[in-house]
Protein backbone atom coordinates (compact mmCIF):
# COMPACT_ATOMS: atom_id res chain seq x y z
CA MET A 1 0.00 0.00 0.00
CA SER A 2 1.28 3.46 -0.89
CA VAL A 3 0.51 6.59 1.14
CA ASP A 4 1.15 10.14 -0.10
CA THR A 5 2.23 12.68 2.49
CA VAL A 6 3.29 16.33 2.35
CA ALA A 7 5.63 18.57 4.34
CA SER A 8 6.31 22.32 4.36
CA VAL A 9 9.89 23.47 4.78
CA ILE A 10 9.58 27.03 6.03
CA TYR A 11 12.72 29.03 6.79
CA LYS A 12 12.82 32.57 8.18
CA ASN A 13 15.56 34.56 9.89
CA GLY A 14 17.87 31.55 10.22
CA ARG A 15 15.21 29.29 11.73
CA PHE A 16 12.89 26.53 10.57
CA LEU A 17 9.22 26.27 11.51
CA MET A 18 8.82 23.01 13.42
CA ILE A 19 5.85 21.35 15.06
CA GLU A 20 6.09 19.60 18.42
CA GLU A 21 3.67 16.71 18.59
CA GLN A 22 2.70 13.79 20.80
CA THR A 23 3.07 10.43 19.03
CA VAL A 24 2.95 6.80 20.15
CA GLN A 25 6.77 7.03 20.29
CA GLY A 26 6.61 10.09 22.58
CA ILE A 27 7.13 13.77 21.83
CA ARG A 28 8.50 14.36 18.32
CA PHE A 29 9.42 17.34 16.14
CA ASN A 30 8.55 17.61 12.47
CA GLN A 31 7.82 20.13 9.77
CA PRO A 32 4.13 20.87 9.30
CA ALA A 33 3.22 17.63 7.55
CA GLY A 34 0.51 15.07 7.02
CA HIS A 35 -1.41 12.76 4.75
CA VAL A 36 -3.08 13.66 1.48
CA GLU A 37 -6.80 13.05 1.87
CA LYS A 38 -9.02 11.43 -0.77
CA GLY A 39 -9.90 13.89 -3.55
CA GLU A 40 -7.23 16.36 -2.47
CA THR A 41 -4.28 17.52 -4.57
CA ILE A 42 -0.76 17.49 -3.15
CA ILE A 43 -0.78 21.31 -2.94
CA GLU A 44 -4.21 21.43 -1.29
CA ALA A 45 -3.00 18.93 1.32
CA LEU A 46 0.19 20.92 1.91
CA ILE A 47 -1.73 24.14 2.53
CA ARG A 48 -4.35 22.43 4.72
CA GLU A 49 -1.87 20.48 6.85
CA THR A 50 0.31 23.55 7.39
CA ARG A 51 -2.71 25.64 8.39
CA GLU A 52 -4.03 22.95 10.76
CA GLU A 53 -0.71 22.20 12.45
CA ALA A 54 1.08 25.56 12.46
CA CYS A 55 -1.75 28.12 12.18
CA VAL A 56 -0.18 29.81 9.18
CA GLU A 57 -1.19 30.36 5.57
CA ILE A 58 1.52 29.55 3.05
CA GLN A 59 2.50 30.00 -0.55
CA PRO A 60 4.33 26.93 -1.89
CA ILE A 61 7.47 28.10 -3.71
CA GLN A 62 9.13 24.98 -5.04
CA LEU A 63 9.15 21.22 -4.73
CA LEU A 64 12.22 20.37 -2.66
CA GLY A 65 12.05 16.62 -3.10
CA ILE A 66 10.11 13.40 -2.96
CA TYR A 67 11.22 11.04 -0.21
CA LYS A 68 10.27 7.38 0.08
CA LYS A 69 10.04 5.42 3.30
CA VAL A 70 8.80 1.96 4.17
CA GLY A 71 6.75 1.63 7.33
CA LYS A 72 4.72 -0.93 9.21
CA HIS A 73 1.26 -1.90 8.07
CA SER A 74 -1.58 -2.79 10.43
CA GLU A 75 -1.71 -6.27 8.87
CA PRO A 76 1.17 -8.58 9.82
CA GLY A 77 3.61 -9.27 7.01
CA LEU A 78 2.58 -6.24 4.97
CA VAL A 79 4.44 -2.95 4.64
CA ARG A 80 3.24 0.54 3.87
CA HIS A 81 5.17 2.70 1.40
CA TYR A 82 5.17 6.41 2.21
CA GLN A 83 5.94 9.00 -0.42
CA ARG A 84 6.65 12.40 1.14
CA HIS A 85 6.39 15.49 -1.06
CA ALA A 86 8.41 18.24 0.61
CA PHE A 87 7.91 21.81 -0.56
CA ILE A 88 9.71 25.02 0.23
CA ALA A 89 7.02 27.46 1.32
CA GLU A 90 6.69 31.03 2.53
CA ILE A 91 4.25 32.27 5.15
CA THR A 92 1.69 34.71 3.80
CA GLU A 93 -0.25 35.07 7.06
CA GLU A 94 0.41 33.96 10.64
CA PHE A 95 -2.27 33.47 13.26
CA PRO A 96 -2.06 32.96 17.02
CA PHE A 97 -1.24 29.32 17.68
CA GLU A 98 -4.24 27.12 18.48
CA ARG A 99 -4.30 23.37 18.93
CA HIS A 100 -6.55 22.08 16.16
CA SER A 101 -5.80 18.48 17.06
CA PRO A 102 -4.87 16.98 20.44
CA GLU A 103 -1.52 15.56 19.28
CA ILE A 104 -0.12 18.97 18.26
CA ILE A 105 1.60 20.58 21.25
CA ALA A 106 3.29 23.73 19.89
CA ARG A 107 4.99 25.41 16.96
CA HIS A 108 8.61 26.46 17.25
CA TRP A 109 11.17 28.37 15.20
CA LEU A 110 14.36 26.32 15.57
CA SER A 111 17.87 26.84 14.23
CA LEU A 112 19.69 23.99 12.53
CA LYS A 113 21.82 23.62 15.67
CA GLU A 114 18.69 23.26 17.84
CA ILE A 115 17.22 20.73 15.41
CA LEU A 116 20.44 18.69 15.46
CA GLN A 117 20.32 18.72 19.27
CA LYS A 118 16.81 17.21 19.05
CA GLN A 119 17.81 14.67 16.39
CA ASP A 120 16.65 11.73 18.54
CA GLN A 121 13.24 13.42 18.84
CA LEU A 122 12.63 14.01 15.12
CA ARG A 123 9.52 12.35 13.70
CA GLY A 124 11.53 10.38 11.17
CA PRO A 125 14.64 10.43 9.00
CA CYS A 126 12.89 12.52 6.33
CA THR A 127 12.59 15.44 8.76
CA LEU A 128 16.33 16.09 8.94
CA GLU A 129 16.91 15.00 5.35
CA THR A 130 14.55 17.69 4.02
CA ILE A 131 16.18 20.37 6.19
CA LEU A 132 19.65 19.43 4.94
CA ASP A 133 18.36 19.35 1.35
CA PHE A 134 16.91 22.84 1.86
CA ILE A 135 20.29 24.11 3.10
CA ARG A 136 21.98 22.60 0.02
CA TRP A 137 19.31 24.17 -2.22
CA LYS A 138 19.74 27.56 -0.54
CA LYS A 139 23.52 27.50 -1.02
CA LEU A 140 23.13 26.53 -4.67
CA PHE A 141 20.43 29.16 -5.22
CA LEU A 142 22.55 31.92 -3.63
CA LYS A 143 25.61 30.82 -5.62
CA GLN A 144 23.65 31.04 -8.88
CA GLU A 145 22.31 34.48 -7.96
CA ASN A 146 25.86 35.76 -7.36
CA GLU A 147 27.23 34.47 -10.68
């Protein structure tokens, strides 16, 4: 079974927007992210999930990458394939933080150093991978602008 997910990589003033959430594995940190619902486009899911989890409106800028992960399935012996579509996005409007779902604890603006210090609390390997890919993209983008 394949599951499409989305994630917003939002960077401002040297910090990344991260969501603190309660999971079955304990407290975890992730970008605003979630599953694509039936009948929803990838972009619609990205905007909805970011609004629900972080209380911000966004403008997707660019696809950063598509990340694949294999996870457990509820049926023994089966696996679930996750395909995460990570987008670079900018905030167009920010609202006071409200918990729209019980598992979301807070939103934070964290530096790369702070994220690396919480590496054992990241939701999954894609969380750090997308942040590092964004940093590589940013360096490449700035290099091209200066040429």
